[in-house]
Amino acid sequence: MSTDASVVVHSEPEVLAEAVAARLLIRLLDAQAARGVAGVVLTGGRVAAKVYQAVAASPARDAVDWSRVDVWWGDERFLPGGDPERNETQARAALLDAVPVDPARVHPMPPSDGPDGADPEAAAARYAATLAAAAKPGSEVLPHFDLLLLGVGEDGHVASVFPEHPAAYESRPVVAVRGAPKPPPVRISLTLPAINTAEEVWLIATGPDKADAVGMALSGAGPVQLPAAGVGGVTRTLWLLDRAAAAHVAPGLRSLR
């Protein structure tokens, strides 16, 4: 975990989602002001869907030039295209279909009915090649990620990097995940080294069932045992929590909103 991680605690999930949406819009605007474009890595889950819906509903959303936003994903359920369980499907329904993104700048992870069929290793390699093709200057592997969003699982997993799973030991940027402890068992995921190239990483968690994992991650757990503990942005690592998820965070670390 980044040594300069900061923690912001909001009263409840709905307030958190609105606040994260506002932060997200500002981050995209700042990136476009600095570089002309913005690169964001999306996540899945209930809280993420609320954030995307809040972005879509925000009166400030049109300040962003959505045609100059590069959209990536941190992980994906290896299911057919359009499956409602796919993170891509969720993000399109909640946000991407409502804003004028450039389809060529939206990069979903391959589905199980895509060009590689039901071979997640080949699909992971394909996504790695797509990332490399958009690589930032000075890198042969990854594009510039201004912001990478992550949910945090009850077990401390992030993206589809689960505790003690092979992906937790990987150095390649993208890997297939088999036998995931929560369904569906087959997934594709960025690895921790790839995640940690992002300028900013925001970890978002709500509810009492996340409190143990959040508390352990912020108190120095190991990244293989608790992948959330191994996450850190290049310039900023931000934990965005509701009060229930922050129950085991040391009071000195919290910034209440």
C-alpha atoms as a PDB file:
ATOM      1  CA  MET A   1       0.000   0.000   0.000  1.00  0.00           C
ATOM      2  CA  SER A   2       1.223   3.510  -0.809  1.00  0.00           C
ATOM      3  CA  THR A   3       2.682   5.242   2.212  1.00  0.00           C
ATOM      4  CA  ASP A   4       0.787   8.438   1.373  1.00  0.00           C
ATOM      5  CA  ALA A   5      -2.625   6.790   1.200  1.00  0.00           C
ATOM      6  CA  SER A   6      -5.464   8.960   2.439  1.00  0.00           C
ATOM      7  CA  VAL A   7      -8.874   7.934   3.728  1.00  0.00           C
ATOM      8  CA  VAL A   8     -12.121   9.862   3.270  1.00  0.00           C
ATOM      9  CA  VAL A   9     -15.215   8.645   5.100  1.00  0.00           C
ATOM     10  CA  HIS A  10     -18.756   9.566   4.078  1.00  0.00           C
ATOM     11  CA  SER A  11     -21.899   8.957   6.102  1.00  0.00           C
ATOM     12  CA  GLU A  12     -23.648   6.443   3.853  1.00  0.00           C
ATOM     13  CA  PRO A  13     -23.308   4.723   0.445  1.00  0.00           C
ATOM     14  CA  GLU A  14     -25.544   7.173  -1.433  1.00  0.00           C
ATOM     15  CA  VAL A  15     -23.569  10.176  -0.217  1.00  0.00           C
ATOM     16  CA  LEU A  16     -20.334   8.355  -1.022  1.00  0.00           C
ATOM     17  CA  ALA A  17     -21.456   7.620  -4.589  1.00  0.00           C
ATOM     18  CA  GLU A  18     -22.354  11.259  -5.216  1.00  0.00           C
ATOM     19  CA  ALA A  19     -19.041  12.435  -3.777  1.00  0.00           C
ATOM     20  CA  VAL A  20     -16.992   9.958  -5.812  1.00  0.00           C
ATOM     21  CA  ALA A  21     -18.857  10.994  -8.959  1.00  0.00           C
ATOM     22  CA  ALA A  22     -17.984  14.638  -8.329  1.00  0.00           C
ATOM     23  CA  ARG A  23     -14.345  13.735  -7.707  1.00  0.00           C
ATOM     24  CA  LEU A  24     -14.277  11.620 -10.863  1.00  0.00           C
ATOM     25  CA  LEU A  25     -15.506  14.461 -13.049  1.00  0.00           C
ATOM     26  CA  ILE A  26     -12.920  16.834 -11.586  1.00  0.00           C
ATOM     27  CA  ARG A  27     -10.141  14.276 -12.099  1.00  0.00           C
ATOM     28  CA  LEU A  28     -11.092  13.813 -15.765  1.00  0.00           C
ATOM     29  CA  LEU A  29     -11.205  17.577 -16.282  1.00  0.00           C
ATOM     30  CA  ASP A  30      -7.815  18.033 -14.624  1.00  0.00           C
ATOM     31  CA  ALA A  31      -6.282  15.304 -16.769  1.00  0.00           C
ATOM     32  CA  GLN A  32      -7.678  16.808 -19.946  1.00  0.00           C
ATOM     33  CA  ALA A  33      -6.398  20.234 -18.951  1.00  0.00           C
ATOM     34  CA  ALA A  34      -2.936  18.798 -18.378  1.00  0.00           C
ATOM     35  CA  ARG A  35      -2.635  16.267 -21.200  1.00  0.00           C
ATOM     36  CA  GLY A  36      -5.517  16.885 -23.589  1.00  0.00           C
ATOM     37  CA  VAL A  37      -6.939  13.446 -22.887  1.00  0.00           C
ATOM     38  CA  ALA A  38      -7.890  11.424 -19.818  1.00  0.00           C
ATOM     39  CA  GLY A  39      -7.420   7.721 -19.174  1.00  0.00           C
ATOM     40  CA  VAL A  40      -9.671   5.972 -16.667  1.00  0.00           C
ATOM     41  CA  VAL A  41      -9.825   2.329 -15.597  1.00  0.00           C
ATOM     42  CA  LEU A  42     -13.300   1.259 -14.510  1.00  0.00           C
ATOM     43  CA  THR A  43     -14.372  -1.345 -11.986  1.00  0.00           C
ATOM     44  CA  GLY A  44     -17.604  -3.239 -11.380  1.00  0.00           C
ATOM     45  CA  GLY A  45     -19.961  -3.813  -8.491  1.00  0.00           C
ATOM     46  CA  ARG A  46     -22.974  -2.173  -6.910  1.00  0.00           C
ATOM     47  CA  VAL A  47     -21.167   0.875  -5.587  1.00  0.00           C
ATOM     48  CA  ALA A  48     -19.453   1.472  -8.923  1.00  0.00           C
ATOM     49  CA  ALA A  49     -22.816   1.357 -10.698  1.00  0.00           C
ATOM     50  CA  LYS A  50     -24.143   4.026  -8.322  1.00  0.00           C
ATOM     51  CA  VAL A  51     -21.086   6.178  -8.998  1.00  0.00           C
ATOM     52  CA  TYR A  52     -21.492   5.877 -12.775  1.00  0.00           C
ATOM     53  CA  GLN A  53     -25.188   6.684 -12.530  1.00  0.00           C
ATOM     54  CA  ALA A  54     -24.362   9.753 -10.449  1.00  0.00           C
ATOM     55  CA  VAL A  55     -21.812  10.880 -13.052  1.00  0.00           C
ATOM     56  CA  ALA A  56     -24.394  10.462 -15.820  1.00  0.00           C
ATOM     57  CA  ALA A  57     -26.948  12.477 -13.832  1.00  0.00           C
ATOM     58  CA  SER A  58     -24.536  15.251 -12.843  1.00  0.00           C
ATOM     59  CA  PRO A  59     -25.063  18.693 -14.362  1.00  0.00           C
ATOM     60  CA  ALA A  60     -21.253  18.938 -14.546  1.00  0.00           C
ATOM     61  CA  ARG A  61     -20.848  15.873 -16.747  1.00  0.00           C
ATOM     62  CA  ASP A  62     -20.874  17.875 -19.989  1.00  0.00           C
ATOM     63  CA  ALA A  63     -17.824  19.861 -18.879  1.00  0.00           C
ATOM     64  CA  VAL A  64     -15.799  16.738 -19.728  1.00  0.00           C
ATOM     65  CA  ASP A  65     -14.904  16.162 -23.364  1.00  0.00           C
ATOM     66  CA  TRP A  66     -16.002  12.545 -23.418  1.00  0.00           C
ATOM     67  CA  SER A  67     -14.616  12.051 -26.909  1.00  0.00           C
ATOM     68  CA  ARG A  68     -11.150  12.443 -25.373  1.00  0.00           C
ATOM     69  CA  VAL A  69     -11.569   9.916 -22.542  1.00  0.00           C
ATOM     70  CA  ASP A  70      -9.840   6.557 -22.872  1.00  0.00           C
ATOM     71  CA  VAL A  71     -11.827   3.893 -21.025  1.00  0.00           C
ATOM     72  CA  TRP A  72     -10.265   0.663 -19.789  1.00  0.00           C
ATOM     73  CA  TRP A  73     -11.301  -2.028 -17.305  1.00  0.00           C
ATOM     74  CA  GLY A  74      -9.429  -3.434 -14.334  1.00  0.00           C
ATOM     75  CA  ASP A  75     -11.083  -6.822 -14.576  1.00  0.00           C
ATOM     76  CA  GLU A  76     -13.945  -8.628 -16.223  1.00  0.00           C
ATOM     77  CA  ARG A  77     -16.119 -11.674 -15.770  1.00  0.00           C
ATOM     78  CA  PHE A  78     -15.321 -13.990 -18.706  1.00  0.00           C
ATOM     79  CA  LEU A  79     -18.872 -14.205 -20.004  1.00  0.00           C
ATOM     80  CA  PRO A  80     -20.536 -13.596 -23.374  1.00  0.00           C
ATOM     81  CA  GLY A  81     -20.737 -10.048 -24.677  1.00  0.00           C
ATOM     82  CA  GLY A  82     -23.763  -8.203 -23.307  1.00  0.00           C
ATOM     83  CA  ASP A  83     -24.143 -10.521 -20.327  1.00  0.00           C
ATOM     84  CA  PRO A  84     -25.629  -8.451 -17.468  1.00  0.00           C
ATOM     85  CA  GLU A  85     -22.949  -9.775 -15.109  1.00  0.00           C
ATOM     86  CA  ARG A  86     -20.145  -8.251 -17.167  1.00  0.00           C
ATOM     87  CA  ASN A  87     -18.588  -5.058 -15.809  1.00  0.00           C
ATOM     88  CA  GLU A  88     -18.649  -3.642 -19.328  1.00  0.00           C
ATOM     89  CA  THR A  89     -22.403  -4.162 -19.627  1.00  0.00           C
ATOM     90  CA  GLN A  90     -22.960  -2.439 -16.287  1.00  0.00           C
ATOM     91  CA  ALA A  91     -20.762   0.542 -17.143  1.00  0.00           C
ATOM     92  CA  ARG A  92     -22.388   1.028 -20.541  1.00  0.00           C
ATOM     93  CA  ALA A  93     -25.885   0.974 -19.062  1.00  0.00           C
ATOM     94  CA  ALA A  94     -25.029   3.267 -16.152  1.00  0.00           C
ATOM     95  CA  LEU A  95     -22.798   5.808 -17.911  1.00  0.00           C
ATOM     96  CA  LEU A  96     -21.126   5.144 -21.246  1.00  0.00           C
ATOM     97  CA  ASP A  97     -24.334   4.925 -23.275  1.00  0.00           C
ATOM     98  CA  ALA A  98     -25.376   8.316 -21.865  1.00  0.00           C
ATOM     99  CA  VAL A  99     -22.248  10.303 -22.814  1.00  0.00           C
ATOM    100  CA  PRO A 100     -20.601  10.904 -26.212  1.00  0.00           C
ATOM    101  CA  VAL A 101     -17.584   8.650 -25.823  1.00  0.00           C
ATOM    102  CA  ASP A 102     -15.507   7.751 -28.873  1.00  0.00           C
ATOM    103  CA  PRO A 103     -16.145   4.023 -29.430  1.00  0.00           C
ATOM    104  CA  ALA A 104     -12.530   3.626 -30.547  1.00  0.00           C
ATOM    105  CA  ARG A 105     -11.373   4.842 -27.126  1.00  0.00           C
ATOM    106  CA  VAL A 106     -13.506   2.365 -25.173  1.00  0.00           C
ATOM    107  CA  HIS A 107     -11.557  -0.840 -24.562  1.00  0.00           C
ATOM    108  CA  PRO A 108     -13.586  -3.647 -22.947  1.00  0.00           C
ATOM    109  CA  MET A 109     -11.899  -6.898 -22.057  1.00  0.00           C
ATOM    110  CA  PRO A 110     -12.738  -9.683 -24.533  1.00  0.00           C
ATOM    111  CA  PRO A 111     -15.911 -11.706 -23.863  1.00  0.00           C
ATOM    112  CA  SER A 112     -16.121 -15.488 -23.879  1.00  0.00           C
ATOM    113  CA  ASP A 113     -17.809 -15.365 -27.271  1.00  0.00           C
ATOM    114  CA  GLY A 114     -15.167 -13.031 -28.694  1.00  0.00           C
ATOM    115  CA  PRO A 115     -12.349 -13.769 -31.149  1.00  0.00           C
ATOM    116  CA  ASP A 116     -10.590 -16.105 -28.704  1.00  0.00           C
ATOM    117  CA  GLY A 117     -13.689 -18.080 -27.845  1.00  0.00           C
ATOM    118  CA  ALA A 118     -13.723 -19.687 -24.430  1.00  0.00           C
ATOM    119  CA  ASP A 119      -9.936 -19.363 -23.913  1.00  0.00           C
ATOM    120  CA  PRO A 120      -9.356 -16.827 -21.141  1.00  0.00           C
ATOM    121  CA  GLU A 121      -5.573 -17.011 -21.440  1.00  0.00           C
ATOM    122  CA  ALA A 122      -5.744 -15.990 -25.108  1.00  0.00           C
ATOM    123  CA  ALA A 123      -8.263 -13.264 -24.234  1.00  0.00           C
ATOM    124  CA  ALA A 124      -5.937 -11.933 -21.515  1.00  0.00           C
ATOM    125  CA  ALA A 125      -3.048 -11.884 -23.980  1.00  0.00           C
ATOM    126  CA  ARG A 126      -5.228 -10.022 -26.457  1.00  0.00           C
ATOM    127  CA  TYR A 127      -6.039  -7.347 -23.868  1.00  0.00           C
ATOM    128  CA  ALA A 128      -2.363  -7.059 -22.959  1.00  0.00           C
ATOM    129  CA  ALA A 129      -1.629  -6.447 -26.642  1.00  0.00           C
ATOM    130  CA  THR A 130      -4.352  -3.787 -26.788  1.00  0.00           C
ATOM    131  CA  LEU A 131      -2.817  -2.046 -23.787  1.00  0.00           C
ATOM    132  CA  ALA A 132       0.661  -2.236 -25.315  1.00  0.00           C
ATOM    133  CA  ALA A 133      -0.613  -0.745 -28.581  1.00  0.00           C
ATOM    134  CA  ALA A 134      -1.775   2.321 -26.615  1.00  0.00           C
ATOM    135  CA  ALA A 135       1.330   2.450 -24.424  1.00  0.00           C
ATOM    136  CA  LYS A 136       2.483   5.766 -23.022  1.00  0.00           C
ATOM    137  CA  PRO A 137       5.831   7.240 -24.144  1.00  0.00           C
ATOM    138  CA  GLY A 138       8.654   5.453 -22.370  1.00  0.00           C
ATOM    139  CA  SER A 139       6.560   2.341 -21.761  1.00  0.00           C
ATOM    140  CA  GLU A 140       6.214  -0.673 -23.986  1.00  0.00           C
ATOM    141  CA  VAL A 141       3.460  -2.205 -21.919  1.00  0.00           C
ATOM    142  CA  LEU A 142       0.774   0.153 -20.614  1.00  0.00           C
ATOM    143  CA  PRO A 143      -0.983   3.382 -21.558  1.00  0.00           C
ATOM    144  CA  HIS A 144      -1.270   6.336 -19.196  1.00  0.00           C
ATOM    145  CA  PHE A 145      -3.912   5.722 -16.529  1.00  0.00           C
ATOM    146  CA  ASP A 146      -4.862   8.998 -14.852  1.00  0.00           C
ATOM    147  CA  LEU A 147      -7.287   7.225 -12.561  1.00  0.00           C
ATOM    148  CA  LEU A 148      -7.969   3.604 -11.707  1.00  0.00           C
ATOM    149  CA  LEU A 149     -11.057   2.677  -9.698  1.00  0.00           C
ATOM    150  CA  LEU A 150     -11.235  -0.413  -7.504  1.00  0.00           C
ATOM    151  CA  GLY A 151     -13.837  -2.040  -5.335  1.00  0.00           C
ATOM    152  CA  VAL A 152     -12.652  -3.997  -2.319  1.00  0.00           C
ATOM    153  CA  GLY A 153     -13.998  -7.479  -1.633  1.00  0.00           C
ATOM    154  CA  GLU A 154     -14.890  -8.874   1.766  1.00  0.00           C
ATOM    155  CA  ASP A 155     -11.756 -11.012   1.479  1.00  0.00           C
ATOM    156  CA  GLY A 156      -9.612  -8.044   0.467  1.00  0.00           C
ATOM    157  CA  HIS A 157      -9.482  -8.839  -3.247  1.00  0.00           C
ATOM    158  CA  VAL A 158      -9.212  -6.055  -5.810  1.00  0.00           C
ATOM    159  CA  ALA A 159     -10.052  -6.397  -9.500  1.00  0.00           C
ATOM    160  CA  SER A 160      -9.959 -10.204  -9.824  1.00  0.00           C
ATOM    161  CA  VAL A 161      -6.771 -10.618  -7.820  1.00  0.00           C
ATOM    162  CA  PHE A 162      -7.836 -12.854  -4.940  1.00  0.00           C
ATOM    163  CA  PRO A 163      -5.866 -13.692  -1.794  1.00  0.00           C
ATOM    164  CA  GLU A 164      -3.247 -16.409  -2.336  1.00  0.00           C
ATOM    165  CA  HIS A 165      -4.372 -16.929  -5.953  1.00  0.00           C
ATOM    166  CA  PRO A 166      -1.778 -17.199  -8.740  1.00  0.00           C
ATOM    167  CA  ALA A 167      -2.686 -13.722 -10.008  1.00  0.00           C
ATOM    168  CA  ALA A 168      -1.423 -12.263  -6.725  1.00  0.00           C
ATOM    169  CA  TYR A 169       2.095 -13.404  -7.654  1.00  0.00           C
ATOM    170  CA  GLU A 170       1.996 -12.305 -11.309  1.00  0.00           C
ATOM    171  CA  SER A 171       4.239  -9.735 -12.970  1.00  0.00           C
ATOM    172  CA  ARG A 172       2.502  -9.811 -16.366  1.00  0.00           C
ATOM    173  CA  PRO A 173       0.047  -6.918 -16.795  1.00  0.00           C
ATOM    174  CA  VAL A 174      -3.034  -9.012 -17.624  1.00  0.00           C
ATOM    175  CA  VAL A 175      -3.842 -12.585 -16.627  1.00  0.00           C
ATOM    176  CA  ALA A 176      -6.625 -15.119 -16.844  1.00  0.00           C
ATOM    177  CA  VAL A 177      -8.112 -16.113 -13.490  1.00  0.00           C
ATOM    178  CA  ARG A 178      -9.567 -19.559 -13.017  1.00  0.00           C
ATOM    179  CA  GLY A 179     -11.272 -20.906  -9.920  1.00  0.00           C
ATOM    180  CA  ALA A 180     -12.186 -17.510  -8.492  1.00  0.00           C
ATOM    181  CA  PRO A 181     -13.745 -17.969  -5.043  1.00  0.00           C
ATOM    182  CA  LYS A 182     -16.804 -15.960  -6.056  1.00  0.00           C
ATOM    183  CA  PRO A 183     -18.817 -16.566  -9.223  1.00  0.00           C
ATOM    184  CA  PRO A 184     -18.225 -16.608 -12.065  1.00  0.00           C
ATOM    185  CA  PRO A 185     -15.026 -18.631 -11.579  1.00  0.00           C
ATOM    186  CA  VAL A 186     -13.309 -17.553 -14.820  1.00  0.00           C
ATOM    187  CA  ARG A 187     -12.200 -13.934 -15.196  1.00  0.00           C
ATOM    188  CA  ILE A 188      -9.602 -11.642 -16.737  1.00  0.00           C
ATOM    189  CA  SER A 189      -7.749  -9.140 -14.588  1.00  0.00           C
ATOM    190  CA  LEU A 190      -5.053  -6.536 -14.471  1.00  0.00           C
ATOM    191  CA  THR A 191      -2.377  -7.548 -11.976  1.00  0.00           C
ATOM    192  CA  LEU A 192      -1.101  -5.497  -9.047  1.00  0.00           C
ATOM    193  CA  PRO A 193       1.989  -4.257 -10.950  1.00  0.00           C
ATOM    194  CA  ALA A 194      -0.250  -2.964 -13.752  1.00  0.00           C
ATOM    195  CA  ILE A 195      -2.733  -1.406 -11.319  1.00  0.00           C
ATOM    196  CA  ASN A 196       0.088   0.395  -9.543  1.00  0.00           C
ATOM    197  CA  THR A 197       1.163   2.255 -12.693  1.00  0.00           C
ATOM    198  CA  ALA A 198      -1.938   4.490 -12.453  1.00  0.00           C
ATOM    199  CA  GLU A 199      -1.355   8.088 -11.383  1.00  0.00           C
ATOM    200  CA  GLU A 200      -4.189   7.808  -8.879  1.00  0.00           C
ATOM    201  CA  VAL A 201      -5.848   4.701  -7.475  1.00  0.00           C
ATOM    202  CA  TRP A 202      -9.148   5.039  -5.638  1.00  0.00           C
ATOM    203  CA  LEU A 203     -10.401   2.134  -3.528  1.00  0.00           C
ATOM    204  CA  ILE A 204     -14.129   2.324  -2.834  1.00  0.00           C
ATOM    205  CA  ALA A 205     -15.898   0.259  -0.185  1.00  0.00           C
ATOM    206  CA  THR A 206     -19.196   0.371   1.675  1.00  0.00           C
ATOM    207  CA  GLY A 207     -20.879  -1.725   4.324  1.00  0.00           C
ATOM    208  CA  PRO A 208     -19.865  -3.577   7.476  1.00  0.00           C
ATOM    209  CA  ASP A 209     -18.836  -6.707   5.573  1.00  0.00           C
ATOM    210  CA  LYS A 210     -15.883  -4.762   4.125  1.00  0.00           C
ATOM    211  CA  ALA A 211     -14.683  -3.353   7.453  1.00  0.00           C
ATOM    212  CA  ASP A 212     -12.254  -6.148   8.339  1.00  0.00           C
ATOM    213  CA  ALA A 213     -10.543  -6.129   4.940  1.00  0.00           C
ATOM    214  CA  VAL A 214     -10.283  -2.337   4.871  1.00  0.00           C
ATOM    215  CA  GLY A 215      -8.890  -2.220   8.400  1.00  0.00           C
ATOM    216  CA  MET A 216      -6.277  -4.879   7.668  1.00  0.00           C
ATOM    217  CA  ALA A 217      -5.248  -3.291   4.371  1.00  0.00           C
ATOM    218  CA  LEU A 218      -4.650   0.028   6.096  1.00  0.00           C
ATOM    219  CA  SER A 219      -2.689  -1.545   8.931  1.00  0.00           C
ATOM    220  CA  GLY A 220       0.025  -3.210   6.895  1.00  0.00           C
ATOM    221  CA  ALA A 221      -1.254  -6.601   5.720  1.00  0.00           C
ATOM    222  CA  GLY A 222       0.721  -8.389   3.007  1.00  0.00           C
ATOM    223  CA  PRO A 223      -0.353  -8.060  -0.634  1.00  0.00           C
ATOM    224  CA  VAL A 224      -0.550 -11.790  -1.353  1.00  0.00           C
ATOM    225  CA  GLN A 225      -2.725 -12.439   1.698  1.00  0.00           C
ATOM    226  CA  LEU A 226      -4.729  -9.246   1.140  1.00  0.00           C
ATOM    227  CA  PRO A 227      -4.334  -7.822  -2.377  1.00  0.00           C
ATOM    228  CA  ALA A 228      -5.959  -4.497  -1.428  1.00  0.00           C
ATOM    229  CA  ALA A 229      -2.939  -3.894   0.802  1.00  0.00           C
ATOM    230  CA  GLY A 230      -0.651  -4.059  -2.227  1.00  0.00           C
ATOM    231  CA  VAL A 231      -2.305  -1.253  -4.177  1.00  0.00           C
ATOM    232  CA  GLY A 232      -0.824   2.203  -4.554  1.00  0.00           C
ATOM    233  CA  GLY A 233      -1.072   4.950  -7.157  1.00  0.00           C
ATOM    234  CA  VAL A 234       2.021   6.718  -8.459  1.00  0.00           C
ATOM    235  CA  THR A 235       0.949  10.077  -7.030  1.00  0.00           C
ATOM    236  CA  ARG A 236      -2.100   9.291  -4.920  1.00  0.00           C
ATOM    237  CA  THR A 237      -3.883   6.424  -3.220  1.00  0.00           C
ATOM    238  CA  LEU A 238      -7.338   7.315  -1.947  1.00  0.00           C
ATOM    239  CA  TRP A 239      -9.675   5.156   0.112  1.00  0.00           C
ATOM    240  CA  LEU A 240     -13.296   6.300  -0.217  1.00  0.00           C
ATOM    241  CA  LEU A 241     -15.459   4.649   2.419  1.00  0.00           C
ATOM    242  CA  ASP A 242     -18.768   4.874   4.182  1.00  0.00           C
ATOM    243  CA  ARG A 243     -18.837   4.801   7.976  1.00  0.00           C
ATOM    244  CA  ALA A 244     -19.622   1.089   8.157  1.00  0.00           C
ATOM    245  CA  ALA A 245     -16.659   0.113   5.966  1.00  0.00           C
ATOM    246  CA  ALA A 246     -14.386   2.418   7.965  1.00  0.00           C
ATOM    247  CA  ALA A 247     -15.305   0.884  11.319  1.00  0.00           C
ATOM    248  CA  HIS A 248     -11.821  -0.617  11.849  1.00  0.00           C
ATOM    249  CA  VAL A 249      -9.795   2.255  10.439  1.00  0.00           C
ATOM    250  CA  ALA A 250      -7.677   4.088  13.001  1.00  0.00           C
ATOM    251  CA  PRO A 251      -9.320   7.448  13.786  1.00  0.00           C
ATOM    252  CA  GLY A 252      -6.103   9.293  12.967  1.00  0.00           C
ATOM    253  CA  LEU A 253      -6.279   8.106   9.350  1.00  0.00           C
ATOM    254  CA  ARG A 254      -9.817   9.276   8.657  1.00  0.00           C
ATOM    255  CA  SER A 255     -11.028  12.463   7.069  1.00  0.00           C
ATOM    256  CA  LEU A 256     -14.752  12.655   7.740  1.00  0.00           C
ATOM    257  CA  ARG A 257     -17.127  14.310   5.246  1.00  0.00           C
END
